[in-house]
Protein backbone atom coordinates (compact mmCIF):
# COMPACT_ATOMS: atom_id res chain seq x y z
CA ASN A 1 -12.59 5.32 -10.90
CA GLY A 2 -13.37 1.83 -10.35
CA ARG A 3 -11.36 0.26 -13.14
CA ASN A 4 -8.89 -2.34 -12.71
CA LYS A 5 -5.02 -1.86 -14.20
CA THR A 6 -2.36 -4.42 -14.23
CA VAL A 7 0.92 -3.35 -13.45
CA TYR A 8 4.20 -5.17 -12.80
CA ALA A 9 6.68 -5.01 -10.15
CA LYS A 10 9.71 -6.76 -8.62
CA ILE A 11 9.88 -8.36 -5.37
CA GLY A 12 10.86 -5.74 -2.81
CA ASP A 13 9.36 -2.86 -4.62
CA ASN A 14 7.21 -0.70 -2.52
CA LEU A 15 3.75 0.42 -3.43
CA LEU A 16 4.18 4.11 -4.01
CA ASP A 17 7.16 3.49 -6.46
CA VAL A 18 4.99 0.97 -8.63
CA VAL A 19 2.12 3.43 -8.45
CA LEU A 20 4.17 6.14 -9.70
CA ASP A 21 6.21 4.17 -12.33
CA ASN A 22 3.18 3.03 -13.90
CA ASP A 23 1.44 6.21 -13.98
CA VAL A 24 -1.60 4.80 -11.93
CA ASP A 25 -3.91 8.08 -11.18
CA ILE A 26 -5.13 7.83 -7.44
CA ASP A 27 -6.43 10.88 -6.03
CA GLY A 28 -4.03 11.90 -2.83
CA PHE A 29 -2.01 8.79 -3.07
CA GLY A 30 1.39 9.22 -1.87
CA ALA A 31 0.70 12.54 -0.41
CA CYS A 32 3.66 12.12 1.82
CA GLU A 33 6.19 10.89 -0.49
CA GLY A 34 6.73 7.66 1.36
CA THR A 35 7.63 9.40 4.62
CA LEU A 36 5.07 7.01 6.35
CA ALA A 37 3.02 10.09 7.49
CA CYS A 38 -0.31 9.70 5.65
CA SER A 39 -1.44 5.96 5.03
CA THR A 40 -2.69 6.75 1.72
CA CYS A 41 0.01 3.70 0.37
CA HIS A 42 -1.43 0.64 1.85
CA LEU A 43 -2.73 -2.66 0.44
CA ILE A 44 -5.65 -5.09 1.20
CA PHE A 45 -4.56 -8.66 0.90
CA ALA A 46 -6.43 -11.72 0.39
CA LYS A 47 -6.05 -13.60 3.76
CA GLU A 48 -3.95 -16.47 2.43
CA ASP A 49 -1.60 -13.90 0.85
CA PHE A 50 -1.34 -11.80 4.06
CA ASP A 51 -0.76 -14.87 6.10
CA ASN A 52 2.30 -15.41 3.65
CA LEU A 53 4.12 -12.06 4.09
CA ARG A 54 7.98 -12.56 4.95
CA ASP A 55 7.88 -9.56 7.20
CA PRO A 56 5.74 -8.24 9.78
CA LEU A 57 4.66 -5.00 10.28
CA THR A 58 6.75 -2.39 12.05
CA GLU A 59 5.24 -0.80 14.87
CA GLU A 60 5.46 2.48 12.86
CA GLU A 61 3.50 0.99 9.81
CA GLN A 62 0.91 -0.38 12.47
CA ASP A 63 0.44 2.90 14.03
CA MET A 64 0.07 4.54 10.61
CA LEU A 65 -2.37 2.23 9.64
CA ASP A 66 -4.79 3.06 12.57
CA LEU A 67 -5.41 6.28 10.61
CA ALA A 68 -5.89 4.70 7.06
CA TYR A 69 -9.16 5.05 5.23
CA GLY A 70 -11.12 1.55 5.00
CA LEU A 71 -8.78 -0.44 6.76
CA THR A 72 -9.40 -4.14 6.97
CA ASP A 73 -7.62 -6.79 9.13
CA THR A 74 -5.31 -8.03 5.95
């Protein structure tokens, strides 16, 4: 709906759990319930944040992101 909502999470929490735990309503989000089958749980980072990520994407994650709507380089 275009509104911002601030939520808090711990390092290591996954996006799906953060959204569900904070009652964020995003249509279609988490459709596969975290099985890496739908690509609705993805983030777009600022380039400097993306460059500082500790863990690189797995090949499975990269393949799934190829199907994501609105995908960016970060």
